[in-house]
Amino acid sequence: MINVYLYDGSTYTRGGAELIQLPLADNAMLWIDIEQESAEAEQRIFDQFGCHPLTIQDARRLRHPPKTEHFSDQSFVLVRELDTEHQGLAFDTLQVASFIGSNFLITRHDNPSPAITSWLASTKLSALSALMARGPMVLFASITNSMGLAYLDLLLDFEPALSEYEDTLLSTQGDSVLRDLIGCKTWLRKLKRLHSYHDRVYSELLTHLKQEHGEERDAIHSATDVYEKFERLNSLSALYYDLAGDLIDGHISLTSHNLNETMRILTVVTAIFVPLGFLAGLYGMNFDNIPELHHPNGYFFLVGFMVIIATSLVAIFKRNKWL
């Protein structure tokens, strides 16, 4: 599907590939959105606008890290957008490739893009016309800004759960809590890696704009706003990743401490009953020549001695705060 949006300086027109063939006025701007289109139809558009073959290959790859490349007449930016279907931190991403020229923006994606769909809603058409009047880079920055907001909502929605894990760490133990924390850390690691890519991509894009298009203050301002958002996302995902790691370490430490407490008690009990078991085994041997066995009070002497040993050991352990 190819959707084309044309702004000729005063009016906004939405249509198909037929709008690409119209001559563009000096102040016109063209946005071509390609979704699940055949390779031949895509290639005709890419050839018409002079897209580099290697960037086209990158755009068509199923999974490619976010990147940016700059040419004399256009820039290529590849980002990964958050899919709408996600539960908690478990998310999937959609690859969106953008070719940004002086008077055109080409976006390509294999599945529906939530950010692009939201901008094409009827309630935002007037805002879209205003963005297209400001140029393709401003429009691209606004679309990717919506992508960044979706990631930000994902992290902010997770923050209460992370705070709850922190508050209940001392009172809640068990494998389920540890399993949840490890799962959260896994997804946060993916977010951290992804946003480090996005942070670097927008940093390079912003440097390119300042060096090559320093007079386009509006485009630089819009790109700076998005760069700051992805920079915040990068630091926020790294912070939550570290917090999740600290909670996992704390959970393991508390579990190990509780296990050590249990082992200490078992060790103390064992230490008390070892001498008692030795005496019981010694006098339980079937020998006739054990003089104490024939003493009329031998049983009471042995039991009393065992009580003295047990009491003494308990007192020693309590004095050393082992009990």
Protein backbone atom coordinates (compact mmCIF):
# COMPACT_ATOMS: atom_id res chain seq x y z
CA MET A 1 0.00 0.00 0.00
CA ILE A 2 1.37 3.41 -1.02
CA ASN A 3 -0.10 6.52 0.56
CA VAL A 4 1.04 9.88 -0.74
CA TYR A 5 0.48 13.23 0.98
CA LEU A 6 1.17 16.41 -0.96
CA TYR A 7 1.40 19.92 0.42
CA ASP A 8 1.78 22.46 -2.36
CA GLY A 9 2.28 25.48 -0.12
CA SER A 10 -1.36 26.22 0.55
CA THR A 11 -3.45 23.05 0.22
CA TYR A 12 -3.07 19.50 1.49
CA THR A 13 -3.86 16.54 -0.79
CA ARG A 14 -3.99 12.87 0.08
CA GLY A 15 -3.90 10.16 -2.57
CA GLY A 16 -1.93 7.34 -4.14
CA ALA A 17 1.07 6.91 -6.39
CA GLU A 18 -0.50 9.21 -9.00
CA LEU A 19 0.47 12.24 -6.89
CA ILE A 20 4.15 11.36 -7.30
CA GLN A 21 3.96 12.10 -11.02
CA LEU A 22 2.73 15.66 -10.50
CA PRO A 23 5.32 18.45 -10.79
CA LEU A 24 6.27 19.90 -7.44
CA ALA A 25 6.20 23.62 -6.77
CA ASP A 26 9.19 25.28 -5.14
CA ASN A 27 7.61 25.34 -1.68
CA ALA A 28 5.82 21.97 -2.02
CA MET A 29 6.52 18.97 0.14
CA LEU A 30 5.77 15.29 -0.53
CA TRP A 31 5.35 12.50 2.02
CA ILE A 32 5.25 8.94 0.65
CA ASP A 33 4.35 6.19 3.11
CA ILE A 34 5.03 2.62 1.89
CA GLU A 35 3.49 -0.28 3.79
CA GLN A 36 3.55 -3.93 2.68
CA GLU A 37 4.12 -2.99 -0.95
CA SER A 38 5.72 -5.13 -3.64
CA ALA A 39 9.45 -4.77 -4.21
CA GLU A 40 8.88 -3.60 -7.80
CA ALA A 41 6.57 -0.75 -6.79
CA GLU A 42 8.94 0.24 -4.00
CA GLN A 43 11.91 0.19 -6.34
CA ARG A 44 10.23 2.54 -8.83
CA ILE A 45 9.74 5.11 -6.09
CA PHE A 46 13.25 4.66 -4.70
CA ASP A 47 14.76 5.04 -8.17
CA GLN A 48 12.69 8.13 -8.88
CA PHE A 49 13.98 9.88 -5.75
CA GLY A 50 17.56 8.65 -6.06
CA CYS A 51 17.73 6.48 -2.95
CA HIS A 52 21.06 4.71 -2.46
CA PRO A 53 20.91 0.93 -3.18
CA LEU A 54 22.63 0.00 0.12
CA THR A 55 20.14 1.99 2.16
CA ILE A 56 17.32 0.24 0.30
CA GLN A 57 18.81 -3.11 1.29
CA ASP A 58 19.01 -1.97 4.91
CA ALA A 59 15.39 -0.81 4.80
CA ARG A 60 14.22 -4.19 3.51
CA ARG A 61 16.15 -6.33 5.99
CA LEU A 62 13.87 -7.93 8.55
CA ARG A 63 16.00 -6.91 11.52
CA HIS A 64 18.62 -4.21 11.39
CA PRO A 65 19.99 -2.04 14.20
CA PRO A 66 18.92 1.61 14.07
CA LYS A 67 21.32 3.64 11.95
CA THR A 68 21.69 6.81 9.92
CA GLU A 69 23.56 7.64 6.71
CA HIS A 70 23.89 10.97 4.96
CA PHE A 71 24.35 11.77 1.28
CA SER A 72 24.62 14.98 -0.67
CA ASP A 73 20.91 15.25 -1.41
CA GLN A 74 19.21 13.17 1.29
CA SER A 75 19.55 11.39 4.63
CA PHE A 76 18.61 7.82 5.54
CA VAL A 77 17.44 7.02 9.08
CA LEU A 78 16.40 3.59 10.34
CA VAL A 79 14.60 3.35 13.70
CA ARG A 80 12.64 0.72 15.57
CA GLU A 81 9.17 1.66 16.76
CA LEU A 82 7.33 0.11 19.69
CA ASP A 83 4.49 -2.16 18.60
CA THR A 84 1.08 -1.44 20.07
CA GLU A 85 0.63 -5.02 21.28
CA HIS A 86 2.63 -5.47 24.46
CA GLN A 87 2.04 -6.70 28.00
CA GLY A 88 4.06 -5.07 30.73
CA LEU A 89 7.62 -4.79 29.54
CA ALA A 90 7.23 -7.62 27.04
CA PHE A 91 7.28 -5.74 23.76
CA ASP A 92 7.95 -6.14 20.07
CA THR A 93 9.25 -3.56 17.64
CA LEU A 94 8.56 -2.46 14.10
CA GLN A 95 11.33 -1.33 11.76
CA VAL A 96 10.66 2.04 10.09
CA ALA A 97 13.02 3.34 7.39
CA SER A 98 12.97 6.99 6.37
CA PHE A 99 14.50 8.73 3.36
CA ILE A 100 14.62 12.49 3.97
CA GLY A 101 15.25 14.85 1.07
CA SER A 102 14.95 18.58 0.58
CA ASN A 103 11.26 18.42 -0.34
CA PHE A 104 10.21 14.82 0.29
CA LEU A 105 9.97 12.22 3.04
CA ILE A 106 9.68 8.51 2.27
CA THR A 107 8.77 6.16 5.11
CA ARG A 108 8.80 2.39 4.67
CA HIS A 109 7.56 -0.29 7.08
CA ASP A 110 6.30 -3.86 6.74
CA ASN A 111 3.43 -3.54 9.25
CA PRO A 112 1.16 -0.69 10.33
CA SER A 113 3.07 1.98 12.23
CA PRO A 114 1.23 3.27 15.34
CA ALA A 115 3.01 6.64 15.19
CA ILE A 116 2.30 7.19 11.49
CA THR A 117 -1.29 5.99 11.89
CA SER A 118 -1.84 8.45 14.73
CA TRP A 119 -0.57 11.34 12.62
CA LEU A 120 -2.90 10.39 9.80
CA ALA A 121 -5.96 10.44 12.06
CA SER A 122 -8.62 12.92 11.00
CA THR A 123 -8.14 14.97 14.19
CA LYS A 124 -4.49 15.66 13.30
CA LEU A 125 -4.78 16.51 9.60
CA SER A 126 -4.54 20.26 10.24
CA ALA A 127 -1.46 19.73 12.40
CA LEU A 128 -0.01 17.48 9.69
CA SER A 129 -0.46 20.21 7.08
CA ALA A 130 1.35 22.66 9.35
CA LEU A 131 4.21 20.19 9.83
CA MET A 132 4.57 19.53 6.11
CA ALA A 133 4.74 23.28 5.55
CA ARG A 134 7.79 23.37 7.86
CA GLY A 135 9.70 20.76 5.84
CA PRO A 136 10.40 17.01 5.70
CA MET A 137 12.91 17.00 8.59
CA VAL A 138 10.39 18.60 10.94
CA LEU A 139 7.77 16.07 9.87
CA PHE A 140 10.22 13.20 10.40
CA ALA A 141 11.16 14.55 13.83
CA SER A 142 7.49 14.78 14.82
CA ILE A 143 6.83 11.17 13.76
CA THR A 144 9.85 9.84 15.65
CA ASN A 145 8.91 12.02 18.62
CA SER A 146 5.62 10.09 18.78
CA MET A 147 7.64 6.87 18.74
CA GLY A 148 9.73 8.13 21.65
CA LEU A 149 6.61 9.04 23.62
CA ALA A 150 5.34 5.46 23.26
CA TYR A 151 8.60 4.13 24.72
CA LEU A 152 8.41 6.72 27.49
CA ASP A 153 4.87 5.63 28.39
CA LEU A 154 6.05 2.02 28.51
CA LEU A 155 8.80 2.85 31.02
CA LEU A 156 6.63 5.16 33.11
CA ASP A 157 3.91 2.51 33.30
CA PHE A 158 6.53 0.07 34.59
CA GLU A 159 7.84 2.45 37.26
CA PRO A 160 5.06 1.71 39.84
CA ALA A 161 5.74 -2.03 39.52
CA LEU A 162 9.45 -1.43 40.11
CA SER A 163 8.65 0.72 43.15
CA GLU A 164 6.40 -2.03 44.49
CA TYR A 165 9.23 -4.55 44.13
CA GLU A 166 11.46 -2.19 46.10
CA ASP A 167 8.88 -1.64 48.86
CA THR A 168 8.03 -5.32 49.31
CA LEU A 169 11.54 -6.75 48.91
CA LEU A 170 11.97 -7.43 52.65
CA SER A 171 8.50 -8.89 53.13
CA THR A 172 8.07 -10.87 49.91
CA GLN A 173 10.30 -13.81 49.14
CA GLY A 174 9.99 -16.68 46.73
CA ASP A 175 10.98 -17.91 43.33
CA SER A 176 8.10 -16.09 41.62
CA VAL A 177 9.41 -12.67 42.68
CA LEU A 178 12.92 -13.52 41.53
CA ARG A 179 11.56 -14.87 38.24
CA ASP A 180 9.59 -11.65 37.66
CA LEU A 181 12.62 -9.48 38.39
CA ILE A 182 14.85 -11.47 36.06
CA GLY A 183 12.21 -11.18 33.33
CA CYS A 184 12.00 -7.42 33.86
CA LYS A 185 15.78 -7.11 33.72
CA THR A 186 15.84 -9.04 30.44
CA TRP A 187 13.37 -6.68 28.77
CA LEU A 188 15.09 -3.64 30.26
CA ARG A 189 18.37 -4.86 28.81
CA LYS A 190 16.73 -4.94 25.37
CA LEU A 191 15.32 -1.45 25.88
CA LYS A 192 18.69 -0.19 27.05
CA ARG A 193 20.44 -1.59 23.97
CA LEU A 194 17.74 -0.26 21.65
CA HIS A 195 17.75 3.26 23.09
CA SER A 196 21.53 3.41 23.01
CA TYR A 197 21.20 2.90 19.24
CA HIS A 198 18.47 5.56 18.97
CA ASP A 199 20.49 7.98 21.07
CA ARG A 200 23.50 7.55 18.81
CA VAL A 201 21.40 7.82 15.63
CA TYR A 202 19.85 11.12 16.63
CA SER A 203 23.16 12.44 17.91
CA GLU A 204 24.70 11.81 14.48
CA LEU A 205 21.65 13.26 12.72
CA LEU A 206 21.77 16.40 14.86
CA THR A 207 25.50 16.82 14.20
CA HIS A 208 24.88 16.47 10.46
CA LEU A 209 22.12 19.08 10.52
CA LYS A 210 24.26 21.57 12.41
CA GLN A 211 27.20 21.08 10.07
CA GLU A 212 25.43 20.88 6.72
CA HIS A 213 22.12 22.66 7.31
CA GLY A 214 22.93 25.19 10.00
CA GLU A 215 20.49 27.70 8.54
CA GLU A 216 17.50 25.38 9.06
CA ARG A 217 16.92 26.38 12.67
CA ASP A 218 13.41 24.91 12.78
CA ALA A 219 14.63 21.47 11.69
CA ILE A 220 17.55 21.60 14.15
CA HIS A 221 15.23 22.59 16.99
CA SER A 222 12.80 19.75 16.20
CA ALA A 223 15.61 17.20 15.93
CA THR A 224 17.12 18.46 19.21
CA ASP A 225 13.81 17.93 20.97
CA VAL A 226 13.63 14.32 19.78
CA TYR A 227 17.32 13.74 20.59
CA GLU A 228 16.75 14.88 24.16
CA LYS A 229 13.79 12.51 24.44
CA PHE A 230 15.80 9.50 23.23
CA GLU A 231 18.69 10.54 25.46
CA ARG A 232 16.31 10.53 28.41
CA LEU A 233 14.94 7.15 27.35
CA ASN A 234 18.48 5.80 27.17
CA SER A 235 19.35 7.01 30.66
CA LEU A 236 15.97 5.98 32.09
CA SER A 237 16.15 2.44 30.72
CA ALA A 238 19.75 2.16 32.00
CA LEU A 239 18.61 3.39 35.43
CA TYR A 240 15.72 0.92 35.62
CA TYR A 241 18.04 -1.85 34.40
CA ASP A 242 20.48 -1.11 37.21
CA LEU A 243 17.64 -0.92 39.76
CA ALA A 244 16.28 -4.28 38.62
CA GLY A 245 19.79 -5.74 38.92
CA ASP A 246 20.14 -4.31 42.44
CA LEU A 247 16.78 -5.77 43.43
CA ILE A 248 17.81 -9.18 42.10
CA ASP A 249 21.10 -9.00 44.03
CA GLY A 250 19.22 -7.89 47.15
CA HIS A 251 16.70 -10.72 46.78
CA ILE A 252 19.48 -13.28 46.40
CA SER A 253 21.34 -11.81 49.39
CA LEU A 254 18.23 -11.97 51.58
CA THR A 255 17.53 -15.54 50.50
CA SER A 256 21.13 -16.51 51.22
CA HIS A 257 20.95 -14.79 54.62
CA ASN A 258 17.77 -16.67 55.54
CA LEU A 259 19.39 -19.91 54.43
CA ASN A 260 22.45 -19.13 56.54
CA GLU A 261 20.21 -18.48 59.56
CA THR A 262 18.54 -21.84 59.07
CA MET A 263 21.88 -23.59 58.65
CA ARG A 264 23.19 -21.92 61.80
CA ILE A 265 20.28 -23.20 63.86
CA LEU A 266 20.70 -26.69 62.42
CA THR A 267 24.42 -26.55 63.18
CA VAL A 268 23.76 -25.53 66.80
CA VAL A 269 21.23 -28.32 67.25
CA THR A 270 23.67 -30.79 65.74
CA ALA A 271 26.47 -29.54 68.02
CA ILE A 272 24.25 -30.10 71.07
CA PHE A 273 23.16 -33.58 70.13
CA VAL A 274 26.54 -34.89 68.93
CA PRO A 275 27.97 -35.43 72.47
CA LEU A 276 24.62 -36.71 73.66
CA GLY A 277 24.47 -39.16 70.78
CA PHE A 278 28.05 -40.22 71.53
CA LEU A 279 27.22 -40.99 75.15
CA ALA A 280 24.04 -42.80 74.18
CA GLY A 281 25.96 -44.88 71.65
CA LEU A 282 28.80 -45.58 74.08
CA TYR A 283 26.56 -46.91 76.82
CA GLY A 284 24.34 -48.68 74.34
CA MET A 285 27.12 -51.14 73.41
CA ASN A 286 26.53 -54.75 74.43
CA PHE A 287 29.53 -55.31 76.70
CA ASP A 288 29.26 -56.90 80.14
CA ASN A 289 32.34 -55.20 81.54
CA ILE A 290 31.01 -51.63 81.71
CA PRO A 291 31.08 -50.90 85.47
CA GLU A 292 28.70 -47.94 85.32
CA LEU A 293 25.93 -50.13 83.98
CA HIS A 294 25.81 -52.08 87.25
CA HIS A 295 25.76 -48.99 89.46
CA PRO A 296 22.30 -48.60 91.02
CA ASN A 297 22.20 -44.86 90.08
CA GLY A 298 24.18 -45.13 86.84
CA TYR A 299 21.20 -44.20 84.67
CA PHE A 300 20.52 -41.05 86.63
CA PHE A 301 24.19 -40.07 86.59
CA LEU A 302 24.34 -40.44 82.81
CA VAL A 303 21.11 -38.56 82.19
CA GLY A 304 22.20 -35.77 84.53
CA PHE A 305 25.58 -35.54 82.83
CA MET A 306 23.88 -35.32 79.45
CA VAL A 307 21.56 -32.58 80.75
CA ILE A 308 24.58 -30.65 82.06
CA ILE A 309 26.32 -30.94 78.68
CA ALA A 310 23.25 -29.79 76.75
CA THR A 311 22.56 -26.91 79.15
CA SER A 312 26.18 -25.77 79.04
CA LEU A 313 26.25 -25.79 75.25
CA VAL A 314 22.99 -23.84 75.04
CA ALA A 315 24.38 -21.25 77.48
CA ILE A 316 27.60 -20.92 75.46
CA PHE A 317 25.70 -20.49 72.20
CA LYS A 318 23.39 -17.86 73.73
CA ARG A 319 26.35 -15.94 75.16
CA ASN A 320 27.94 -15.90 71.68
CA LYS A 321 24.54 -14.90 70.19
CA TRP A 322 24.36 -18.00 68.04
CA LEU A 323 20.84 -18.64 69.31
